[in-house]
Amino acid sequence: VADAPYADAARTAAQKIAASMTGPAADAAQGLAARIVALPDR
């Protein structure tokens, strides 16, 4: 839901967080990410 402001920084932060996750944490994050959708930021 971090669509505005600082959305671009949030995306790069997400990439770094995802790269550090392993095991159950990584599985939970990936599973939830696949079940979230959003309308484009206006």
Full PDB file with SEQRES, HELIX, SHEET, SSBOND, CRYST1, ORIGX, SCALE, CONECT and MASTER records, all heavy atoms in Angstrom:
SEQRES   1 A   42  VAL ALA ASP ALA PRO TYR ALA ASP ALA ALA ARG THR ALA          
SEQRES   2 A   42  ALA GLN LYS ILE ALA ALA SER MET THR GLY PRO ALA ALA          
SEQRES   3 A   42  ASP ALA ALA GLN GLY LEU ALA ALA ARG ILE VAL ALA LEU          
SEQRES   4 A   42  PRO ASP ARG                                                  
HELIX    1 AA1 ALA A    7  SER A   20  1                                  14    
HELIX    2 AA2 GLY A   23  ALA A   33  1                                  11    
CRYST1    1.000    1.000    1.000  90.00  90.00  90.00 P 1           1          
ORIGX1      1.000000  0.000000  0.000000        0.00000                         
ORIGX2      0.000000  1.000000  0.000000        0.00000                         
ORIGX3      0.000000  0.000000  1.000000        0.00000                         
SCALE1      1.000000  0.000000  0.000000        0.00000                         
SCALE2      0.000000  1.000000  0.000000        0.00000                         
SCALE3      0.000000  0.000000  1.000000        0.00000                         
ATOM      1  N   VAL A   1       0.820  -1.213   0.000  1.00  0.00           N  
ATOM      2  CA  VAL A   1       0.000   0.000   0.000  1.00  0.00           C  
ATOM      3  C   VAL A   1       0.851   1.260   0.000  1.00  0.00           C  
ATOM      4  O   VAL A   1       0.318   2.367   0.077  1.00  0.00           O  
ATOM      5  CB  VAL A   1      -0.959   0.025   1.215  1.00  0.00           C  
ATOM      6  CG1 VAL A   1      -1.924  -1.129   1.138  1.00  0.00           C  
ATOM      7  CG2 VAL A   1      -0.180  -0.009   2.531  1.00  0.00           C  
ATOM      8  N   ALA A   2       2.157   1.115  -0.093  1.00  0.00           N  
ATOM      9  CA  ALA A   2       3.032   2.288  -0.121  1.00  0.00           C  
ATOM     10  C   ALA A   2       3.089   2.846  -1.528  1.00  0.00           C  
ATOM     11  O   ALA A   2       4.118   2.811  -2.193  1.00  0.00           O  
ATOM     12  CB  ALA A   2       4.443   1.910   0.364  1.00  0.00           C  
ATOM     13  N   ASP A   3       1.933   3.354  -2.021  1.00  0.00           N  
ATOM     14  CA  ASP A   3       1.874   3.833  -3.391  1.00  0.00           C  
ATOM     15  C   ASP A   3       2.290   5.280  -3.525  1.00  0.00           C  
ATOM     16  O   ASP A   3       2.701   5.713  -4.596  1.00  0.00           O  
ATOM     17  CB  ASP A   3       0.472   3.618  -3.992  1.00  0.00           C  
ATOM     18  CG  ASP A   3      -0.632   4.223  -3.142  1.00  0.00           C  
ATOM     19  OD1 ASP A   3      -0.314   4.745  -2.054  1.00  0.00           O  
ATOM     20  OD2 ASP A   3      -1.793   4.175  -3.570  1.00  0.00           O  
ATOM     21  N   ALA A   4       2.177   6.070  -2.448  1.00  0.00           N  
ATOM     22  CA  ALA A   4       2.582   7.469  -2.519  1.00  0.00           C  
ATOM     23  C   ALA A   4       2.620   8.006  -1.098  1.00  0.00           C  
ATOM     24  O   ALA A   4       1.740   7.705  -0.299  1.00  0.00           O  
ATOM     25  CB  ALA A   4       1.584   8.281  -3.341  1.00  0.00           C  
ATOM     26  N   PRO A   5       3.589   8.804  -0.755  1.00  0.00           N  
ATOM     27  CA  PRO A   5       4.792   9.086  -1.525  1.00  0.00           C  
ATOM     28  C   PRO A   5       5.891   8.062  -1.227  1.00  0.00           C  
ATOM     29  O   PRO A   5       5.665   7.113  -0.489  1.00  0.00           O  
ATOM     30  CB  PRO A   5       5.179  10.474  -1.033  1.00  0.00           C  
ATOM     31  CG  PRO A   5       4.724  10.475   0.399  1.00  0.00           C  
ATOM     32  CD  PRO A   5       3.472   9.612   0.441  1.00  0.00           C  
ATOM     33  N   TYR A   6       7.080   8.280  -1.750  1.00  0.00           N  
ATOM     34  CA  TYR A   6       8.240   7.414  -1.563  1.00  0.00           C  
ATOM     35  C   TYR A   6       7.992   5.997  -2.058  1.00  0.00           C  
ATOM     36  O   TYR A   6       8.559   5.036  -1.544  1.00  0.00           O  
ATOM     37  CB  TYR A   6       8.687   7.403  -0.084  1.00  0.00           C  
ATOM     38  CG  TYR A   6       9.110   8.763   0.397  1.00  0.00           C  
ATOM     39  CD1 TYR A   6       8.251   9.541   1.168  1.00  0.00           C  
ATOM     40  CD2 TYR A   6      10.351   9.296   0.062  1.00  0.00           C  
ATOM     41  CE1 TYR A   6       8.620  10.811   1.595  1.00  0.00           C  
ATOM     42  CE2 TYR A   6      10.724  10.566   0.482  1.00  0.00           C  
ATOM     43  CZ  TYR A   6       9.863  11.312   1.250  1.00  0.00           C  
ATOM     44  OH  TYR A   6      10.228  12.568   1.677  1.00  0.00           O  
ATOM     45  N   ALA A   7       7.154   5.849  -3.077  1.00  0.00           N  
ATOM     46  CA  ALA A   7       6.845   4.519  -3.602  1.00  0.00           C  
ATOM     47  C   ALA A   7       8.065   3.871  -4.247  1.00  0.00           C  
ATOM     48  O   ALA A   7       8.280   2.662  -4.114  1.00  0.00           O  
ATOM     49  CB  ALA A   7       5.697   4.610  -4.614  1.00  0.00           C  
ATOM     50  N   ASP A   8       8.862   4.656  -4.970  1.00  0.00           N  
ATOM     51  CA  ASP A   8      10.037   4.078  -5.634  1.00  0.00           C  
ATOM     52  C   ASP A   8      11.036   3.548  -4.610  1.00  0.00           C  
ATOM     53  O   ASP A   8      11.600   2.461  -4.780  1.00  0.00           O  
ATOM     54  CB  ASP A   8      10.708   5.121  -6.540  1.00  0.00           C  
ATOM     55  CG  ASP A   8       9.820   5.512  -7.715  1.00  0.00           C  
ATOM     56  OD1 ASP A   8       8.933   4.703  -8.084  1.00  0.00           O  
ATOM     57  OD2 ASP A   8      10.006   6.614  -8.249  1.00  0.00           O  
ATOM     58  N   ALA A   9      11.258   4.319  -3.543  1.00  0.00           N  
ATOM     59  CA  ALA A   9      12.169   3.867  -2.493  1.00  0.00           C  
ATOM     60  C   ALA A   9      11.621   2.629  -1.800  1.00  0.00           C  
ATOM     61  O   ALA A   9      12.368   1.731  -1.422  1.00  0.00           O  
ATOM     62  CB  ALA A   9      12.402   4.987  -1.476  1.00  0.00           C  
ATOM     63  N   ALA A  10      10.292   2.569  -1.646  1.00  0.00           N  
ATOM     64  CA  ALA A  10       9.672   1.397  -1.026  1.00  0.00           C  
ATOM     65  C   ALA A  10       9.899   0.154  -1.872  1.00  0.00           C  
ATOM     66  O   ALA A  10      10.111  -0.940  -1.349  1.00  0.00           O  
ATOM     67  CB  ALA A  10       8.176   1.628  -0.819  1.00  0.00           C  
ATOM     68  N   ARG A  11       9.848   0.312  -3.189  1.00  0.00           N  
ATOM     69  CA  ARG A  11      10.059  -0.842  -4.072  1.00  0.00           C  
ATOM     70  C   ARG A  11      11.487  -1.374  -3.958  1.00  0.00           C  
ATOM     71  O   ARG A  11      11.701  -2.584  -3.903  1.00  0.00           O  
ATOM     72  CB  ARG A  11       9.738  -0.462  -5.517  1.00  0.00           C  
ATOM     73  CG  ARG A  11       8.251  -0.541  -5.843  1.00  0.00           C  
ATOM     74  CD  ARG A  11       8.015  -0.402  -7.329  1.00  0.00           C  
ATOM     75  NE  ARG A  11       8.200   0.970  -7.778  1.00  0.00           N  
ATOM     76  CZ  ARG A  11       7.229   1.882  -7.766  1.00  0.00           C  
ATOM     77  NH1 ARG A  11       6.041   1.570  -7.328  1.00  0.00           N  
ATOM     78  NH2 ARG A  11       7.454   3.105  -8.194  1.00  0.00           N  
ATOM     79  N   THR A  12      12.476  -0.485  -3.933  1.00  0.00           N  
ATOM     80  CA  THR A  12      13.856  -0.961  -3.802  1.00  0.00           C  
ATOM     81  C   THR A  12      14.090  -1.569  -2.422  1.00  0.00           C  
ATOM     82  O   THR A  12      14.839  -2.531  -2.284  1.00  0.00           O  
ATOM     83  CB  THR A  12      14.869   0.173  -4.059  1.00  0.00           C  
ATOM     84  OG1 THR A  12      14.645   1.253  -3.137  1.00  0.00           O  
ATOM     85  CG2 THR A  12      14.723   0.712  -5.482  1.00  0.00           C  
ATOM     86  N   ALA A  13      13.428  -1.005  -1.395  1.00  0.00           N  
ATOM     87  CA  ALA A  13      13.531  -1.594  -0.059  1.00  0.00           C  
ATOM     88  C   ALA A  13      12.949  -2.999  -0.057  1.00  0.00           C  
ATOM     89  O   ALA A  13      13.512  -3.920   0.555  1.00  0.00           O  
ATOM     90  CB  ALA A  13      12.804  -0.716   0.963  1.00  0.00           C  
ATOM     91  N   ALA A  14      11.837  -3.176  -0.774  1.00  0.00           N  
ATOM     92  CA  ALA A  14      11.213  -4.497  -0.843  1.00  0.00           C  
ATOM     93  C   ALA A  14      12.138  -5.508  -1.497  1.00  0.00           C  
ATOM     94  O   ALA A  14      12.217  -6.672  -1.087  1.00  0.00           O  
ATOM     95  CB  ALA A  14       9.899  -4.413  -1.614  1.00  0.00           C  
ATOM     96  N   GLN A  15      12.855  -5.072  -2.536  1.00  0.00           N  
ATOM     97  CA  GLN A  15      13.792  -5.973  -3.210  1.00  0.00           C  
ATOM     98  C   GLN A  15      14.906  -6.415  -2.263  1.00  0.00           C  
ATOM     99  O   GLN A  15      15.295  -7.587  -2.241  1.00  0.00           O  
ATOM    100  CB  GLN A  15      14.384  -5.275  -4.433  1.00  0.00           C  
ATOM    101  CG  GLN A  15      13.370  -5.032  -5.542  1.00  0.00           C  
ATOM    102  CD  GLN A  15      13.914  -4.151  -6.644  1.00  0.00           C  
ATOM    103  OE1 GLN A  15      15.000  -3.583  -6.526  1.00  0.00           O  
ATOM    104  NE2 GLN A  15      13.161  -4.018  -7.725  1.00  0.00           N  
ATOM    105  N   LYS A  16      15.413  -5.476  -1.470  1.00  0.00           N  
ATOM    106  CA  LYS A  16      16.491  -5.806  -0.542  1.00  0.00           C  
ATOM    107  C   LYS A  16      15.999  -6.735   0.567  1.00  0.00           C  
ATOM    108  O   LYS A  16      16.696  -7.670   0.972  1.00  0.00           O  
ATOM    109  CB  LYS A  16      17.068  -4.524   0.062  1.00  0.00           C  
ATOM    110  CG  LYS A  16      17.801  -3.651  -0.952  1.00  0.00           C  
ATOM    111  CD  LYS A  16      18.261  -2.354  -0.327  1.00  0.00           C  
ATOM    112  CE  LYS A  16      18.921  -1.455  -1.347  1.00  0.00           C  
ATOM    113  NZ  LYS A  16      19.326  -0.152  -0.780  1.00  0.00           N  
ATOM    114  N   ILE A  17      14.778  -6.453   1.061  1.00  0.00           N  
ATOM    115  CA  ILE A  17      14.213  -7.305   2.108  1.00  0.00           C  
ATOM    116  C   ILE A  17      13.990  -8.708   1.581  1.00  0.00           C  
ATOM    117  O   ILE A  17      14.328  -9.705   2.222  1.00  0.00           O  
ATOM    118  CB  ILE A  17      12.899  -6.703   2.636  1.00  0.00           C  
ATOM    119  CG1 ILE A  17      13.188  -5.421   3.425  1.00  0.00           C  
ATOM    120  CG2 ILE A  17      12.162  -7.706   3.521  1.00  0.00           C  
ATOM    121  CD1 ILE A  17      11.946  -4.638   3.802  1.00  0.00           C  
ATOM    122  N   ALA A  18      13.423  -8.803   0.364  1.00  0.00           N  
ATOM    123  CA  ALA A  18      13.147 -10.112  -0.222  1.00  0.00           C  
ATOM    124  C   ALA A  18      14.424 -10.907  -0.426  1.00  0.00           C  
ATOM    125  O   ALA A  18      14.463 -12.128  -0.217  1.00  0.00           O  
ATOM    126  CB  ALA A  18      12.419  -9.944  -1.550  1.00  0.00           C  
ATOM    127  N   ALA A  19      15.500 -10.208  -0.810  1.00  0.00           N  
ATOM    128  CA  ALA A  19      16.770 -10.901  -1.056  1.00  0.00           C  
ATOM    129  C   ALA A  19      17.371 -11.464   0.225  1.00  0.00           C  
ATOM    130  O   ALA A  19      18.147 -12.423   0.184  1.00  0.00           O  
ATOM    131  CB  ALA A  19      17.763  -9.944  -1.711  1.00  0.00           C  
ATOM    132  N   SER A  20      16.994 -10.887   1.383  1.00  0.00           N  
ATOM    133  CA  SER A  20      17.569 -11.343   2.653  1.00  0.00           C  
ATOM    134  C   SER A  20      16.750 -12.450   3.313  1.00  0.00           C  
ATOM    135  O   SER A  20      17.192 -13.041   4.286  1.00  0.00           O  
ATOM    136  CB  SER A  20      17.690 -10.163   3.620  1.00  0.00           C  
ATOM    137  OG  SER A  20      16.425  -9.771   4.091  1.00  0.00           O  
ATOM    138  N   MET A  21      15.557 -12.719   2.792  1.00  0.00           N  
ATOM    139  CA  MET A  21      14.674 -13.691   3.431  1.00  0.00           C  
ATOM    140  C   MET A  21      14.951 -15.112   2.977  1.00  0.00           C  
ATOM    141  O   MET A  21      15.213 -15.349   1.801  1.00  0.00           O  
ATOM    142  CB  MET A  21      13.207 -13.358   3.126  1.00  0.00           C  
ATOM    143  CG  MET A  21      12.686 -12.120   3.790  1.00  0.00           C  
ATOM    144  SD  MET A  21      10.932 -11.885   3.391  1.00  0.00           S  
ATOM    145  CE  MET A  21      10.635 -10.289   4.140  1.00  0.00           C  
ATOM    146  N   THR A  22      14.868 -16.027   3.902  1.00  0.00           N  
ATOM    147  CA  THR A  22      14.993 -17.448   3.576  1.00  0.00           C  
ATOM    148  C   THR A  22      13.992 -18.240   4.413  1.00  0.00           C  
ATOM    149  O   THR A  22      13.418 -17.729   5.366  1.00  0.00           O  
ATOM    150  CB  THR A  22      16.417 -17.972   3.881  1.00  0.00           C  
ATOM    151  OG1 THR A  22      16.705 -17.762   5.276  1.00  0.00           O  
ATOM    152  CG2 THR A  22      17.468 -17.258   3.040  1.00  0.00           C  
ATOM    153  N   GLY A  23      13.786 -19.482   4.066  1.00  0.00           N  
ATOM    154  CA  GLY A  23      12.953 -20.377   4.865  1.00  0.00           C  
ATOM    155  C   GLY A  23      11.506 -19.955   4.952  1.00  0.00           C  
ATOM    156  O   GLY A  23      10.945 -19.397   4.004  1.00  0.00           O  
ATOM    157  N   PRO A  24      10.853 -20.184   6.108  1.00  0.00           N  
ATOM    158  CA  PRO A  24       9.430 -19.881   6.276  1.00  0.00           C  
ATOM    159  C   PRO A  24       9.081 -18.423   6.014  1.00  0.00           C  
ATOM    160  O   PRO A  24       8.009 -18.118   5.496  1.00  0.00           O  
ATOM    161  CB  PRO A  24       9.164 -20.252   7.734  1.00  0.00           C  
ATOM    162  CG  PRO A  24      10.209 -21.256   8.070  1.00  0.00           C  
ATOM    163  CD  PRO A  24      11.429 -20.843   7.305  1.00  0.00           C  
ATOM    164  N   ALA A  25       9.986 -17.500   6.379  1.00  0.00           N  
ATOM    165  CA  ALA A  25       9.715 -16.078   6.143  1.00  0.00           C  
ATOM    166  C   ALA A  25       9.593 -15.788   4.656  1.00  0.00           C  
ATOM    167  O   ALA A  25       8.693 -15.076   4.210  1.00  0.00           O  
ATOM    168  CB  ALA A  25      10.818 -15.219   6.769  1.00  0.00           C  
ATOM    169  N   ALA A  26      10.514 -16.327   3.862  1.00  0.00           N  
ATOM    170  CA  ALA A  26      10.471 -16.122   2.413  1.00  0.00           C  
ATOM    171  C   ALA A  26       9.215 -16.742   1.817  1.00  0.00           C  
ATOM    172  O   ALA A  26       8.557 -16.146   0.961  1.00  0.00           O  
ATOM    173  CB  ALA A  26      11.720 -16.709   1.766  1.00  0.00           C  
ATOM    174  N   ASP A  27       8.851 -17.939   2.273  1.00  0.00           N  
ATOM    175  CA  ASP A  27       7.651 -18.608   1.758  1.00  0.00           C  
ATOM    176  C   ASP A  27       6.395 -17.804   2.077  1.00  0.00           C  
ATOM    177  O   ASP A  27       5.511 -17.653   1.226  1.00  0.00           O  
ATOM    178  CB  ASP A  27       7.530 -20.012   2.358  1.00  0.00           C  
ATOM    179  CG  ASP A  27       8.663 -20.935   1.907  1.00  0.00           C  
ATOM    180  OD1 ASP A  27       9.288 -20.628   0.873  1.00  0.00           O  
ATOM    181  OD2 ASP A  27       8.908 -21.942   2.600  1.00  0.00           O  
ATOM    182  N   ALA A  28       6.311 -17.279   3.308  1.00  0.00           N  
ATOM    183  CA  ALA A  28       5.141 -16.498   3.703  1.00  0.00           C  
ATOM    184  C   ALA A  28       5.033 -15.213   2.893  1.00  0.00           C  
ATOM    185  O   ALA A  28       3.943 -14.829   2.445  1.00  0.00           O  
ATOM    186  CB  ALA A  28       5.208 -16.175   5.198  1.00  0.00           C  
ATOM    187  N   ALA A  29       6.175 -14.540   2.701  1.00  0.00           N  
ATOM    188  CA  ALA A  29       6.175 -13.286   1.949  1.00  0.00           C  
ATOM    189  C   ALA A  29       5.771 -13.518   0.499  1.00  0.00           C  
ATOM    190  O   ALA A  29       4.960 -12.785  -0.071  1.00  0.00           O  
ATOM    191  CB  ALA A  29       7.549 -12.630   2.026  1.00  0.00           C  
ATOM    192  N   GLN A  30       6.340 -14.544  -0.116  1.00  0.00           N  
ATOM    193  CA  GLN A  30       6.026 -14.840  -1.509  1.00  0.00           C  
ATOM    194  C   GLN A  30       4.567 -15.262  -1.680  1.00  0.00           C  
ATOM    195  O   GLN A  30       3.895 -14.864  -2.634  1.00  0.00           O  
ATOM    196  CB  GLN A  30       6.964 -15.923  -2.032  1.00  0.00           C  
ATOM    197  CG  GLN A  30       8.403 -15.462  -2.164  1.00  0.00           C  
ATOM    198  CD  GLN A  30       9.379 -16.619  -2.357  1.00  0.00           C  
ATOM    199  OE1 GLN A  30       8.966 -17.771  -2.406  1.00  0.00           O  
ATOM    200  NE2 GLN A  30      10.643 -16.295  -2.469  1.00  0.00           N  
ATOM    201  N   GLY A  31       4.068 -16.039  -0.726  1.00  0.00           N  
ATOM    202  CA  GLY A  31       2.683 -16.486  -0.808  1.00  0.00           C  
ATOM    203  C   GLY A  31       1.704 -15.340  -0.697  1.00  0.00           C  
ATOM    204  O   GLY A  31       0.722 -15.273  -1.453  1.00  0.00           O  
ATOM    205  N   LEU A  32       1.959 -14.413   0.227  1.00  0.00           N  
ATOM    206  CA  LEU A  32       1.059 -13.278   0.389  1.00  0.00           C  
ATOM    207  C   LEU A  32       1.172 -12.318  -0.791  1.00  0.00           C  
ATOM    208  O   LEU A  32       0.164 -11.783  -1.267  1.00  0.00           O  
ATOM    209  CB  LEU A  32       1.369 -12.547   1.695  1.00  0.00           C  
ATOM    210  CG  LEU A  32       0.466 -11.352   2.008  1.00  0.00           C  
ATOM    211  CD1 LEU A  32      -0.999 -11.781   2.080  1.00  0.00           C  
ATOM    212  CD2 LEU A  32       0.885 -10.681   3.309  1.00  0.00           C  
ATOM    213  N   ALA A  33       2.399 -12.088  -1.263  1.00  0.00           N  
ATOM    214  CA  ALA A  33       2.599 -11.175  -2.403  1.00  0.00           C  
ATOM    215  C   ALA A  33       1.796 -11.618  -3.615  1.00  0.00           C  
ATOM    216  O   ALA A  33       1.305 -10.788  -4.389  1.00  0.00           O  
ATOM    217  CB  ALA A  33       4.083 -11.084  -2.744  1.00  0.00           C  
ATOM    218  N   ALA A  34       1.647 -12.926  -3.795  1.00  0.00           N  
ATOM    219  CA  ALA A  34       0.903 -13.456  -4.946  1.00  0.00           C  
ATOM    220  C   ALA A  34      -0.597 -13.244  -4.802  1.00  0.00           C  
ATOM    221  O   ALA A  34      -1.342 -13.420  -5.775  1.00  0.00           O  
ATOM    222  CB  ALA A  34       1.205 -14.940  -5.126  1.00  0.00           C  
ATOM    223  N   ARG A  35      -1.050 -12.850  -3.588  1.00  0.00           N  
ATOM    224  CA  ARG A  35      -2.490 -12.698  -3.358  1.00  0.00           C  
ATOM    225  C   ARG A  35      -2.898 -11.252  -3.111  1.00  0.00           C  
ATOM    226  O   ARG A  35      -3.991 -10.975  -2.612  1.00  0.00           O  
ATOM    227  CB  ARG A  35      -2.927 -13.566  -2.168  1.00  0.00           C  
ATOM    228  CG  ARG A  35      -2.727 -15.061  -2.385  1.00  0.00           C  
ATOM    229  CD  ARG A  35      -3.472 -15.888  -1.330  1.00  0.00           C  
ATOM    230  NE  ARG A  35      -3.007 -15.621   0.014  1.00  0.00           N  
ATOM    231  CZ  ARG A  35      -1.945 -16.205   0.574  1.00  0.00           C  
ATOM    232  NH1 ARG A  35      -1.236 -17.100  -0.106  1.00  0.00           N  
ATOM    233  NH2 ARG A  35      -1.583 -15.920   1.821  1.00  0.00           N  
ATOM    234  N   ILE A  36      -2.030 -10.302  -3.462  1.00  0.00           N  
ATOM    235  CA  ILE A  36      -2.344  -8.884  -3.294  1.00  0.00           C  
ATOM    236  C   ILE A  36      -2.340  -8.201  -4.656  1.00  0.00           C  
ATOM    237  O   ILE A  36      -1.408  -8.361  -5.440  1.00  0.00           O  
ATOM    238  CB  ILE A  36      -1.321  -8.194  -2.364  1.00  0.00           C  
ATOM    239  CG1 ILE A  36      -1.446  -8.749  -0.944  1.00  0.00           C  
ATOM    240  CG2 ILE A  36      -1.550  -6.681  -2.353  1.00  0.00           C  
ATOM    241  CD1 ILE A  36      -0.434  -8.164   0.027  1.00  0.00           C  
ATOM    242  N   VAL A  37      -3.408  -7.452  -4.952  1.00  0.00           N  
ATOM    243  CA  VAL A  37      -3.481  -6.671  -6.182  1.00  0.00           C  
ATOM    244  C   VAL A  37      -3.842  -5.236  -5.801  1.00  0.00           C  
ATOM    245  O   VAL A  37      -4.348  -4.972  -4.716  1.00  0.00           O  
ATOM    246  CB  VAL A  37      -4.527  -7.240  -7.169  1.00  0.00           C  
ATOM    247  CG1 VAL A  37      -4.109  -8.610  -7.666  1.00  0.00           C  
ATOM    248  CG2 VAL A  37      -5.911  -7.309  -6.531  1.00  0.00           C  
ATOM    249  N   ALA A  38      -3.581  -4.297  -6.714  1.00  0.00           N  
ATOM    250  CA  ALA A  38      -3.867  -2.887  -6.438  1.00  0.00           C  
ATOM    251  C   ALA A  38      -4.206  -2.173  -7.736  1.00  0.00           C  
ATOM    252  O   ALA A  38      -3.675  -2.517  -8.799  1.00  0.00           O  
ATOM    253  CB  ALA A  38      -2.661  -2.217  -5.778  1.00  0.00           C  
ATOM    254  N   LEU A  39      -5.107  -1.196  -7.643  1.00  0.00           N  
ATOM    255  CA  LEU A  39      -5.369  -0.348  -8.794  1.00  0.00           C  
ATOM    256  C   LEU A  39      -4.199   0.604  -8.970  1.00  0.00           C  
ATOM    257  O   LEU A  39      -3.522   0.967  -7.996  1.00  0.00           O  
ATOM    258  CB  LEU A  39      -6.662   0.444  -8.575  1.00  0.00           C  
ATOM    259  CG  LEU A  39      -7.945  -0.385  -8.573  1.00  0.00           C  
ATOM    260  CD1 LEU A  39      -9.141   0.493  -8.198  1.00  0.00           C  
ATOM    261  CD2 LEU A  39      -8.182  -1.031  -9.934  1.00  0.00           C  
ATOM    262  N   PRO A  40      -3.925   1.059 -10.212  1.00  0.00           N  
ATOM    263  CA  PRO A  40      -2.796   1.955 -10.454  1.00  0.00           C  
ATOM    264  C   PRO A  40      -2.890   3.233  -9.629  1.00  0.00           C  
ATOM    265  O   PRO A  40      -3.987   3.747  -9.377  1.00  0.00           O  
ATOM    266  CB  PRO A  40      -2.903   2.255 -11.962  1.00  0.00           C  
ATOM    267  CG  PRO A  40      -3.661   1.105 -12.521  1.00  0.00           C  
ATOM    268  CD  PRO A  40      -4.620   0.682 -11.449  1.00  0.00           C  
ATOM    269  N   ASP A  41      -1.734   3.725  -9.210  1.00  0.00           N  
ATOM    270  CA  ASP A  41      -1.651   4.962  -8.439  1.00  0.00           C  
ATOM    271  C   ASP A  41      -2.081   6.137  -9.308  1.00  0.00           C  
ATOM    272  O   ASP A  41      -1.621   6.291 -10.434  1.00  0.00           O  
ATOM    273  CB  ASP A  41      -0.199   5.146  -7.967  1.00  0.00           C  
ATOM    274  CG  ASP A  41      -0.002   6.435  -7.183  1.00  0.00           C  
ATOM    275  OD1 ASP A  41      -0.992   6.993  -6.701  1.00  0.00           O  
ATOM    276  OD2 ASP A  41       1.159   6.854  -7.064  1.00  0.00           O  
ATOM    277  N   ARG A  42      -2.976   6.984  -8.764  1.00  0.00           N  
ATOM    278  CA  ARG A  42      -3.448   8.133  -9.531  1.00  0.00           C  
ATOM    279  C   ARG A  42      -2.519   9.338  -9.404  1.00  0.00           C  
ATOM    280  O   ARG A  42      -2.701  10.335 -10.090  1.00  0.00           O  
ATOM    281  CB  ARG A  42      -4.855   8.527  -9.057  1.00  0.00           C  
ATOM    282  CG  ARG A  42      -5.916   7.494  -9.382  1.00  0.00           C  
ATOM    283  CD  ARG A  42      -7.247   7.897  -8.790  1.00  0.00           C  
ATOM    284  NE  ARG A  42      -7.211   7.896  -7.338  1.00  0.00           N  
ATOM    285  CZ  ARG A  42      -8.164   8.400  -6.566  1.00  0.00           C  
ATOM    286  NH1 ARG A  42      -9.231   8.956  -7.104  1.00  0.00           N  
ATOM    287  NH2 ARG A  42      -8.060   8.343  -5.249  1.00  0.00           N  
TER     288      ARG A  42                                                      
MASTER        0    0    0    2    0    0    0    6  287    1    0    4          
END                                                                             
